[in-house]
Amino acid sequence: IGMYSYLEIWATDAWQPVRDDIESSEDLARWENL
């Protein structure tokens, strides 16, 4: 995955829950703090 200035390499099964979490629409408030 591209992270703008670097790359990350993940095992497919480890990446999927991370991806699911960041794509969740249930907790959008956490992004407002950025």
PDB file of all heavy atoms in Angstrom:
ATOM      1  N   ILE A   1       0.837  -1.197   0.000  1.00  0.00           N
ATOM      2  CA  ILE A   1       0.000   0.000   0.000  1.00  0.00           C
ATOM      3  C   ILE A   1       0.873   1.248   0.000  1.00  0.00           C
ATOM      4  O   ILE A   1       1.887   1.316   0.680  1.00  0.00           O
ATOM      5  CB  ILE A   1      -1.009   0.020   1.170  1.00  0.00           C
ATOM      6  CG1 ILE A   1      -0.312   0.011   2.513  1.00  0.00           C
ATOM      7  CG2 ILE A   1      -1.971  -1.141   1.076  1.00  0.00           C
ATOM      8  CD1 ILE A   1      -1.240   0.326   3.661  1.00  0.00           C
ATOM      9  N   GLY A   2       0.452   2.210  -0.805  1.00  0.00           N
ATOM     10  CA  GLY A   2       1.138   3.488  -0.857  1.00  0.00           C
ATOM     11  C   GLY A   2       0.749   4.349   0.328  1.00  0.00           C
ATOM     12  O   GLY A   2      -0.429   4.456   0.663  1.00  0.00           O
ATOM     13  N   MET A   3       1.746   4.936   0.950  1.00  0.00           N
ATOM     14  CA  MET A   3       1.532   5.812   2.107  1.00  0.00           C
ATOM     15  C   MET A   3       2.125   7.191   1.829  1.00  0.00           C
ATOM     16  O   MET A   3       2.668   7.831   2.710  1.00  0.00           O
ATOM     17  CB  MET A   3       2.162   5.188   3.349  1.00  0.00           C
ATOM     18  CG  MET A   3       1.528   3.874   3.769  1.00  0.00           C
ATOM     19  SD  MET A   3      -0.123   4.083   4.416  1.00  0.00           S
ATOM     20  CE  MET A   3       0.248   4.864   5.974  1.00  0.00           C
ATOM     21  N   TYR A   4       2.044   7.637   0.589  1.00  0.00           N
ATOM     22  CA  TYR A   4       2.532   8.903   0.079  1.00  0.00           C
ATOM     23  C   TYR A   4       4.056   8.946   0.006  1.00  0.00           C
ATOM     24  O   TYR A   4       4.609   8.956  -1.071  1.00  0.00           O
ATOM     25  CB  TYR A   4       1.985  10.094   0.874  1.00  0.00           C
ATOM     26  CG  TYR A   4       2.381  11.428   0.266  1.00  0.00           C
ATOM     27  CD1 TYR A   4       1.819  11.849  -0.928  1.00  0.00           C
ATOM     28  CD2 TYR A   4       3.333  12.230   0.861  1.00  0.00           C
ATOM     29  CE1 TYR A   4       2.195  13.045  -1.515  1.00  0.00           C
ATOM     30  CE2 TYR A   4       3.719  13.434   0.287  1.00  0.00           C
ATOM     31  CZ  TYR A   4       3.139  13.844  -0.906  1.00  0.00           C
ATOM     32  OH  TYR A   4       3.531  15.026  -1.468  1.00  0.00           O
ATOM     33  N   SER A   5       4.743   8.970   1.156  1.00  0.00           N
ATOM     34  CA  SER A   5       6.202   9.088   1.126  1.00  0.00           C
ATOM     35  C   SER A   5       6.911   7.751   1.331  1.00  0.00           C
ATOM     36  O   SER A   5       8.144   7.689   1.250  1.00  0.00           O
ATOM     37  CB  SER A   5       6.679  10.088   2.181  1.00  0.00           C
ATOM     38  OG  SER A   5       6.282   9.666   3.469  1.00  0.00           O
ATOM     39  N   TYR A   6       6.168   6.703   1.595  1.00  0.00           N
ATOM     40  CA  TYR A   6       6.747   5.369   1.765  1.00  0.00           C
ATOM     41  C   TYR A   6       5.672   4.337   1.442  1.00  0.00           C
ATOM     42  O   TYR A   6       4.522   4.679   1.183  1.00  0.00           O
ATOM     43  CB  TYR A   6       7.316   5.174   3.171  1.00  0.00           C
ATOM     44  CG  TYR A   6       6.290   5.152   4.285  1.00  0.00           C
ATOM     45  CD1 TYR A   6       5.812   3.948   4.788  1.00  0.00           C
ATOM     46  CD2 TYR A   6       5.803   6.337   4.838  1.00  0.00           C
ATOM     47  CE1 TYR A   6       4.873   3.927   5.809  1.00  0.00           C
ATOM     48  CE2 TYR A   6       4.871   6.321   5.851  1.00  0.00           C
ATOM     49  CZ  TYR A   6       4.403   5.118   6.340  1.00  0.00           C
ATOM     50  OH  TYR A   6       3.475   5.093   7.346  1.00  0.00           O
ATOM     51  N   LEU A   7       6.072   3.075   1.449  1.00  0.00           N
ATOM     52  CA  LEU A   7       5.156   1.966   1.205  1.00  0.00           C
ATOM     53  C   LEU A   7       5.049   1.112   2.460  1.00  0.00           C
ATOM     54  O   LEU A   7       5.982   1.067   3.267  1.00  0.00           O
ATOM     55  CB  LEU A   7       5.677   1.070   0.070  1.00  0.00           C
ATOM     56  CG  LEU A   7       5.812   1.701  -1.302  1.00  0.00           C
ATOM     57  CD1 LEU A   7       6.607   0.778  -2.221  1.00  0.00           C
ATOM     58  CD2 LEU A   7       4.449   1.988  -1.888  1.00  0.00           C
ATOM     59  N   GLU A   8       3.932   0.431   2.590  1.00  0.00           N
ATOM     60  CA  GLU A   8       3.796  -0.610   3.613  1.00  0.00           C
ATOM     61  C   GLU A   8       3.532  -1.929   2.915  1.00  0.00           C
ATOM     62  O   GLU A   8       2.841  -1.979   1.900  1.00  0.00           O
ATOM     63  CB  GLU A   8       2.657  -0.293   4.579  1.00  0.00           C
ATOM     64  CG  GLU A   8       2.964   0.859   5.498  1.00  0.00           C
ATOM     65  CD  GLU A   8       1.869   1.124   6.529  1.00  0.00           C
ATOM     66  OE1 GLU A   8       0.724   0.625   6.372  1.00  0.00           O
ATOM     67  OE2 GLU A   8       2.163   1.834   7.502  1.00  0.00           O
ATOM     68  N   ILE A   9       4.083  -2.996   3.482  1.00  0.00           N
ATOM     69  CA  ILE A   9       3.848  -4.351   2.993  1.00  0.00           C
ATOM     70  C   ILE A   9       3.151  -5.108   4.107  1.00  0.00           C
ATOM     71  O   ILE A   9       3.654  -5.165   5.234  1.00  0.00           O
ATOM     72  CB  ILE A   9       5.169  -5.062   2.614  1.00  0.00           C
ATOM     73  CG1 ILE A   9       5.907  -4.277   1.527  1.00  0.00           C
ATOM     74  CG2 ILE A   9       4.884  -6.494   2.169  1.00  0.00           C
ATOM     75  CD1 ILE A   9       7.301  -4.814   1.225  1.00  0.00           C
ATOM     76  N   TRP A  10       2.003  -5.670   3.797  1.00  0.00           N
ATOM     77  CA  TRP A  10       1.181  -6.397   4.764  1.00  0.00           C
ATOM     78  C   TRP A  10       0.891  -7.798   4.259  1.00  0.00           C
ATOM     79  O   TRP A  10       0.730  -8.014   3.054  1.00  0.00           O
ATOM     80  CB  TRP A  10      -0.171  -5.704   4.923  1.00  0.00           C
ATOM     81  CG  TRP A  10      -0.151  -4.391   5.618  1.00  0.00           C
ATOM     82  CD1 TRP A  10       0.175  -3.178   5.085  1.00  0.00           C
ATOM     83  CD2 TRP A  10      -0.497  -4.146   6.983  1.00  0.00           C
ATOM     84  NE1 TRP A  10       0.051  -2.203   6.040  1.00  0.00           N
ATOM     85  CE2 TRP A  10      -0.358  -2.771   7.200  1.00  0.00           C
ATOM     86  CE3 TRP A  10      -0.906  -4.966   8.029  1.00  0.00           C
ATOM     87  CZ2 TRP A  10      -0.615  -2.181   8.434  1.00  0.00           C
ATOM     88  CZ3 TRP A  10      -1.163  -4.383   9.256  1.00  0.00           C
ATOM     89  CH2 TRP A  10      -1.024  -3.011   9.460  1.00  0.00           C
ATOM     90  N   ALA A  11       0.756  -8.742   5.180  1.00  0.00           N
ATOM     91  CA  ALA A  11       0.175 -10.037   4.844  1.00  0.00           C
ATOM     92  C   ALA A  11      -1.296  -9.766   4.526  1.00  0.00           C
ATOM     93  O   ALA A  11      -1.930  -8.924   5.167  1.00  0.00           O
ATOM     94  CB  ALA A  11       0.301 -11.004   6.023  1.00  0.00           C
ATOM     95  N   THR A  12      -1.820 -10.440   3.536  1.00  0.00           N
ATOM     96  CA  THR A  12      -3.191 -10.187   3.093  1.00  0.00           C
ATOM     97  C   THR A  12      -4.189 -10.314   4.234  1.00  0.00           C
ATOM     98  O   THR A  12      -5.057  -9.452   4.400  1.00  0.00           O
ATOM     99  CB  THR A  12      -3.564 -11.160   1.956  1.00  0.00           C
ATOM    100  OG1 THR A  12      -2.598 -11.033   0.913  1.00  0.00           O
ATOM    101  CG2 THR A  12      -4.940 -10.862   1.399  1.00  0.00           C
ATOM    102  N   ASP A  13      -4.065 -11.349   5.047  1.00  0.00           N
ATOM    103  CA  ASP A  13      -5.028 -11.553   6.129  1.00  0.00           C
ATOM    104  C   ASP A  13      -4.865 -10.536   7.251  1.00  0.00           C
ATOM    105  O   ASP A  13      -5.808 -10.246   7.983  1.00  0.00           O
ATOM    106  CB  ASP A  13      -4.971 -12.983   6.669  1.00  0.00           C
ATOM    107  CG  ASP A  13      -3.610 -13.378   7.204  1.00  0.00           C
ATOM    108  OD1 ASP A  13      -2.614 -12.729   6.859  1.00  0.00           O
ATOM    109  OD2 ASP A  13      -3.543 -14.343   7.977  1.00  0.00           O
ATOM    110  N   ALA A  14      -3.682  -9.949   7.410  1.00  0.00           N
ATOM    111  CA  ALA A  14      -3.479  -8.906   8.421  1.00  0.00           C
ATOM    112  C   ALA A  14      -3.996  -7.557   7.923  1.00  0.00           C
ATOM    113  O   ALA A  14      -4.485  -6.746   8.713  1.00  0.00           O
ATOM    114  CB  ALA A  14      -2.005  -8.795   8.787  1.00  0.00           C
ATOM    115  N   TRP A  15      -3.884  -7.304   6.622  1.00  0.00           N
ATOM    116  CA  TRP A  15      -4.321  -6.027   6.060  1.00  0.00           C
ATOM    117  C   TRP A  15      -5.843  -5.904   6.055  1.00  0.00           C
ATOM    118  O   TRP A  15      -6.378  -4.818   6.280  1.00  0.00           O
ATOM    119  CB  TRP A  15      -3.766  -5.850   4.652  1.00  0.00           C
ATOM    120  CG  TRP A  15      -4.364  -4.686   3.911  1.00  0.00           C
ATOM    121  CD1 TRP A  15      -5.100  -4.732   2.774  1.00  0.00           C
ATOM    122  CD2 TRP A  15      -4.280  -3.298   4.262  1.00  0.00           C
ATOM    123  NE1 TRP A  15      -5.472  -3.472   2.395  1.00  0.00           N
ATOM    124  CE2 TRP A  15      -4.984  -2.570   3.303  1.00  0.00           C
ATOM    125  CE3 TRP A  15      -3.677  -2.605   5.323  1.00  0.00           C
ATOM    126  CZ2 TRP A  15      -5.103  -1.184   3.337  1.00  0.00           C
ATOM    127  CZ3 TRP A  15      -3.800  -1.226   5.367  1.00  0.00           C
ATOM    128  CH2 TRP A  15      -4.499  -0.530   4.384  1.00  0.00           C
ATOM    129  N   GLN A  16      -6.543  -6.987   5.806  1.00  0.00           N
ATOM    130  CA  GLN A  16      -7.996  -6.900   5.628  1.00  0.00           C
ATOM    131  C   GLN A  16      -8.722  -6.280   6.824  1.00  0.00           C
ATOM    132  O   GLN A  16      -9.540  -5.383   6.643  1.00  0.00           O
ATOM    133  CB  GLN A  16      -8.593  -8.269   5.277  1.00  0.00           C
ATOM    134  CG  GLN A  16     -10.020  -8.175   4.796  1.00  0.00           C
ATOM    135  CD  GLN A  16     -10.177  -7.281   3.569  1.00  0.00           C
ATOM    136  OE1 GLN A  16      -9.477  -7.431   2.575  1.00  0.00           O
ATOM    137  NE2 GLN A  16     -11.093  -6.331   3.638  1.00  0.00           N
ATOM    138  N   PRO A  17      -8.449  -6.686   8.082  1.00  0.00           N
ATOM    139  CA  PRO A  17      -9.150  -6.028   9.192  1.00  0.00           C
ATOM    140  C   PRO A  17      -8.768  -4.558   9.346  1.00  0.00           C
ATOM    141  O   PRO A  17      -9.594  -3.730   9.742  1.00  0.00           O
ATOM    142  CB  PRO A  17      -8.748  -6.824  10.432  1.00  0.00           C
ATOM    143  CG  PRO A  17      -7.762  -7.828  10.013  1.00  0.00           C
ATOM    144  CD  PRO A  17      -7.663  -7.826   8.526  1.00  0.00           C
ATOM    145  N   VAL A  18      -7.531  -4.210   9.026  1.00  0.00           N
ATOM    146  CA  VAL A  18      -7.113  -2.804   9.081  1.00  0.00           C
ATOM    147  C   VAL A  18      -7.893  -2.016   8.033  1.00  0.00           C
ATOM    148  O   VAL A  18      -8.428  -0.944   8.305  1.00  0.00           O
ATOM    149  CB  VAL A  18      -5.582  -2.668   8.861  1.00  0.00           C
ATOM    150  CG1 VAL A  18      -5.171  -1.214   8.746  1.00  0.00           C
ATOM    151  CG2 VAL A  18      -4.823  -3.366   9.970  1.00  0.00           C
ATOM    152  N   ARG A  19      -7.971  -2.570   6.849  1.00  0.00           N
ATOM    153  CA  ARG A  19      -8.725  -1.917   5.768  1.00  0.00           C
ATOM    154  C   ARG A  19     -10.193  -1.777   6.139  1.00  0.00           C
ATOM    155  O   ARG A  19     -10.797  -0.720   5.924  1.00  0.00           O
ATOM    156  CB  ARG A  19      -8.564  -2.706   4.482  1.00  0.00           C
ATOM    157  CG  ARG A  19      -9.245  -2.057   3.320  1.00  0.00           C
ATOM    158  CD  ARG A  19      -9.033  -2.829   2.055  1.00  0.00           C
ATOM    159  NE  ARG A  19      -9.606  -2.099   0.955  1.00  0.00           N
ATOM    160  CZ  ARG A  19      -9.936  -2.652  -0.179  1.00  0.00           C
ATOM    161  NH1 ARG A  19      -9.731  -3.929  -0.378  1.00  0.00           N
ATOM    162  NH2 ARG A  19     -10.460  -1.927  -1.137  1.00  0.00           N
ATOM    163  N   ASP A  20     -10.773  -2.837   6.681  1.00  0.00           N
ATOM    164  CA  ASP A  20     -12.177  -2.779   7.088  1.00  0.00           C
ATOM    165  C   ASP A  20     -12.403  -1.680   8.121  1.00  0.00           C
ATOM    166  O   ASP A  20     -13.387  -0.947   8.056  1.00  0.00           O
ATOM    167  CB  ASP A  20     -12.632  -4.124   7.664  1.00  0.00           C
ATOM    168  CG  ASP A  20     -12.708  -5.213   6.608  1.00  0.00           C
ATOM    169  OD1 ASP A  20     -12.689  -4.901   5.399  1.00  0.00           O
ATOM    170  OD2 ASP A  20     -12.763  -6.398   7.010  1.00  0.00           O
ATOM    171  N   ASP A  21     -11.468  -1.553   9.049  1.00  0.00           N
ATOM    172  CA  ASP A  21     -11.600  -0.546  10.102  1.00  0.00           C
ATOM    173  C   ASP A  21     -11.536   0.869   9.537  1.00  0.00           C
ATOM    174  O   ASP A  21     -12.347   1.719   9.898  1.00  0.00           O
ATOM    175  CB  ASP A  21     -10.507  -0.738  11.155  1.00  0.00           C
ATOM    176  CG  ASP A  21     -10.628   0.261  12.291  1.00  0.00           C
ATOM    177  OD1 ASP A  21     -11.701   0.315  12.931  1.00  0.00           O
ATOM    178  OD2 ASP A  21      -9.653   0.998  12.522  1.00  0.00           O
ATOM    179  N   ILE A  22     -10.596   1.134   8.652  1.00  0.00           N
ATOM    180  CA  ILE A  22     -10.469   2.492   8.124  1.00  0.00           C
ATOM    181  C   ILE A  22     -11.587   2.846   7.152  1.00  0.00           C
ATOM    182  O   ILE A  22     -11.853   4.024   6.923  1.00  0.00           O
ATOM    183  CB  ILE A  22      -9.086   2.751   7.470  1.00  0.00           C
ATOM    184  CG1 ILE A  22      -8.848   1.806   6.310  1.00  0.00           C
ATOM    185  CG2 ILE A  22      -7.987   2.666   8.504  1.00  0.00           C
ATOM    186  CD1 ILE A  22      -7.548   2.048   5.550  1.00  0.00           C
ATOM    187  N   GLU A  23     -12.240   1.839   6.602  1.00  0.00           N
ATOM    188  CA  GLU A  23     -13.349   2.091   5.690  1.00  0.00           C
ATOM    189  C   GLU A  23     -14.698   2.103   6.385  1.00  0.00           C
ATOM    190  O   GLU A  23     -15.718   2.360   5.758  1.00  0.00           O
ATOM    191  CB  GLU A  23     -13.339   1.069   4.559  1.00  0.00           C
ATOM    192  CG  GLU A  23     -12.154   1.247   3.635  1.00  0.00           C
ATOM    193  CD  GLU A  23     -12.102   0.234   2.513  1.00  0.00           C
ATOM    194  OE1 GLU A  23     -12.924  -0.720   2.515  1.00  0.00           O
ATOM    195  OE2 GLU A  23     -11.248   0.390   1.636  1.00  0.00           O
ATOM    196  N   SER A  24     -14.701   1.845   7.679  1.00  0.00           N
ATOM    197  CA  SER A  24     -15.938   1.828   8.438  1.00  0.00           C
ATOM    198  C   SER A  24     -16.547   3.218   8.503  1.00  0.00           C
ATOM    199  O   SER A  24     -15.875   4.198   8.805  1.00  0.00           O
ATOM    200  CB  SER A  24     -15.678   1.313   9.859  1.00  0.00           C
ATOM    201  OG  SER A  24     -16.825   1.488  10.650  1.00  0.00           O
ATOM    202  N   SER A  25     -17.833   3.306   8.252  1.00  0.00           N
ATOM    203  CA  SER A  25     -18.513   4.607   8.339  1.00  0.00           C
ATOM    204  C   SER A  25     -19.108   4.826   9.724  1.00  0.00           C
ATOM    205  O   SER A  25     -19.686   5.871   9.984  1.00  0.00           O
ATOM    206  CB  SER A  25     -19.612   4.693   7.273  1.00  0.00           C
ATOM    207  OG  SER A  25     -20.580   3.677   7.501  1.00  0.00           O
ATOM    208  N   GLU A  26     -18.947   3.864  10.619  1.00  0.00           N
ATOM    209  CA  GLU A  26     -19.542   3.955  11.952  1.00  0.00           C
ATOM    210  C   GLU A  26     -18.807   4.933  12.867  1.00  0.00           C
ATOM    211  O   GLU A  26     -19.398   5.476  13.789  1.00  0.00           O
ATOM    212  CB  GLU A  26     -19.567   2.570  12.609  1.00  0.00           C
ATOM    213  CG  GLU A  26     -20.461   1.593  11.875  1.00  0.00           C
ATOM    214  CD  GLU A  26     -20.369   0.204  12.464  1.00  0.00           C
ATOM    215  OE1 GLU A  26     -19.763   0.024  13.538  1.00  0.00           O
ATOM    216  OE2 GLU A  26     -20.909  -0.720  11.828  1.00  0.00           O
ATOM    217  N   ASP A  27     -17.538   5.154  12.636  1.00  0.00           N
ATOM    218  CA  ASP A  27     -16.755   5.949  13.562  1.00  0.00           C
ATOM    219  C   ASP A  27     -16.019   7.085  12.848  1.00  0.00           C
ATOM    220  O   ASP A  27     -14.825   7.276  13.000  1.00  0.00           O
ATOM    221  CB  ASP A  27     -15.751   5.050  14.298  1.00  0.00           C
ATOM    222  CG  ASP A  27     -15.080   5.747  15.454  1.00  0.00           C
ATOM    223  OD1 ASP A  27     -15.595   6.793  15.903  1.00  0.00           O
ATOM    224  OD2 ASP A  27     -14.027   5.274  15.897  1.00  0.00           O
ATOM    225  N   LEU A  28     -16.732   7.860  12.069  1.00  0.00           N
ATOM    226  CA  LEU A  28     -16.114   8.942  11.308  1.00  0.00           C
ATOM    227  C   LEU A  28     -15.607  10.074  12.197  1.00  0.00           C
ATOM    228  O   LEU A  28     -14.746  10.847  11.791  1.00  0.00           O
ATOM    229  CB  LEU A  28     -17.102   9.495  10.280  1.00  0.00           C
ATOM    230  CG  LEU A  28     -17.469   8.534   9.143  1.00  0.00           C
ATOM    231  CD1 LEU A  28     -18.482   9.177   8.226  1.00  0.00           C
ATOM    232  CD2 LEU A  28     -16.231   8.108   8.378  1.00  0.00           C
ATOM    233  N   ALA A  29     -16.108  10.161  13.427  1.00  0.00           N
ATOM    234  CA  ALA A  29     -15.685  11.234  14.340  1.00  0.00           C
ATOM    235  C   ALA A  29     -14.195  11.184  14.625  1.00  0.00           C
ATOM    236  O   ALA A  29     -13.572  12.225  14.867  1.00  0.00           O
ATOM    237  CB  ALA A  29     -16.473  11.165  15.632  1.00  0.00           C
ATOM    238  N   ARG A  30     -13.582  10.008  14.616  1.00  0.00           N
ATOM    239  CA  ARG A  30     -12.162   9.912  14.916  1.00  0.00           C
ATOM    240  C   ARG A  30     -11.306  10.662  13.888  1.00  0.00           C
ATOM    241  O   ARG A  30     -10.223  11.113  14.215  1.00  0.00           O
ATOM    242  CB  ARG A  30     -11.719   8.460  15.000  1.00  0.00           C
ATOM    243  CG  ARG A  30     -11.803   7.727  13.684  1.00  0.00           C
ATOM    244  CD  ARG A  30     -11.400   6.297  13.816  1.00  0.00           C
ATOM    245  NE  ARG A  30     -11.859   5.549  12.664  1.00  0.00           N
ATOM    246  CZ  ARG A  30     -11.595   4.299  12.452  1.00  0.00           C
ATOM    247  NH1 ARG A  30     -10.893   3.633  13.305  1.00  0.00           N
ATOM    248  NH2 ARG A  30     -12.044   3.705  11.383  1.00  0.00           N
ATOM    249  N   TRP A  31     -11.794  10.824  12.678  1.00  0.00           N
ATOM    250  CA  TRP A  31     -11.031  11.537  11.655  1.00  0.00           C
ATOM    251  C   TRP A  31     -11.114  13.055  11.839  1.00  0.00           C
ATOM    252  O   TRP A  31     -10.240  13.772  11.410  1.00  0.00           O
ATOM    253  CB  TRP A  31     -11.527  11.168  10.265  1.00  0.00           C
ATOM    254  CG  TRP A  31     -11.545   9.692  10.022  1.00  0.00           C
ATOM    255  CD1 TRP A  31     -12.638   8.938   9.764  1.00  0.00           C
ATOM    256  CD2 TRP A  31     -10.438   8.779  10.031  1.00  0.00           C
ATOM    257  NE1 TRP A  31     -12.286   7.614   9.610  1.00  0.00           N
ATOM    258  CE2 TRP A  31     -10.940   7.489   9.767  1.00  0.00           C
ATOM    259  CE3 TRP A  31      -9.073   8.932  10.234  1.00  0.00           C
ATOM    260  CZ2 TRP A  31     -10.123   6.374   9.699  1.00  0.00           C
ATOM    261  CZ3 TRP A  31      -8.260   7.811  10.175  1.00  0.00           C
ATOM    262  CH2 TRP A  31      -8.783   6.546   9.905  1.00  0.00           C
ATOM    263  N   GLU A  32     -12.141  13.531  12.524  1.00  0.00           N
ATOM    264  CA  GLU A  32     -12.299  14.963  12.738  1.00  0.00           C
ATOM    265  C   GLU A  32     -11.164  15.535  13.592  1.00  0.00           C
ATOM    266  O   GLU A  32     -10.821  16.706  13.458  1.00  0.00           O
ATOM    267  CB  GLU A  32     -13.646  15.257  13.400  1.00  0.00           C
ATOM    268  CG  GLU A  32     -14.810  14.986  12.481  1.00  0.00           C
ATOM    269  CD  GLU A  32     -16.163  15.155  13.174  1.00  0.00           C
ATOM    270  OE1 GLU A  32     -16.188  15.648  14.319  1.00  0.00           O
ATOM    271  OE2 GLU A  32     -17.169  14.787  12.579  1.00  0.00           O
ATOM    272  N   ASN A  33     -10.579  14.739  14.450  1.00  0.00           N
ATOM    273  CA  ASN A  33      -9.486  15.196  15.316  1.00  0.00           C
ATOM    274  C   ASN A  33      -8.199  15.485  14.559  1.00  0.00           C
ATOM    275  O   ASN A  33      -7.280  16.085  15.097  1.00  0.00           O
ATOM    276  CB  ASN A  33      -9.200  14.165  16.409  1.00  0.00           C
ATOM    277  CG  ASN A  33     -10.370  14.022  17.360  1.00  0.00           C
ATOM    278  OD1 ASN A  33     -11.123  14.965  17.569  1.00  0.00           O
ATOM    279  ND2 ASN A  33     -10.524  12.834  17.908  1.00  0.00           N
ATOM    280  N   LEU A  34      -8.125  15.071  13.305  1.00  0.00           N
ATOM    281  CA  LEU A  34      -6.919  15.288  12.504  1.00  0.00           C
ATOM    282  C   LEU A  34      -6.828  16.733  11.984  1.00  0.00           C
ATOM    283  O   LEU A  34      -5.784  17.160  11.523  1.00  0.00           O
ATOM    284  CB  LEU A  34      -6.863  14.317  11.328  1.00  0.00           C
ATOM    285  CG  LEU A  34      -6.735  12.841  11.695  1.00  0.00           C
ATOM    286  CD1 LEU A  34      -6.795  11.996  10.436  1.00  0.00           C
ATOM    287  CD2 LEU A  34      -5.452  12.576  12.451  1.00  0.00           C
TER     288      LEU A  34
END
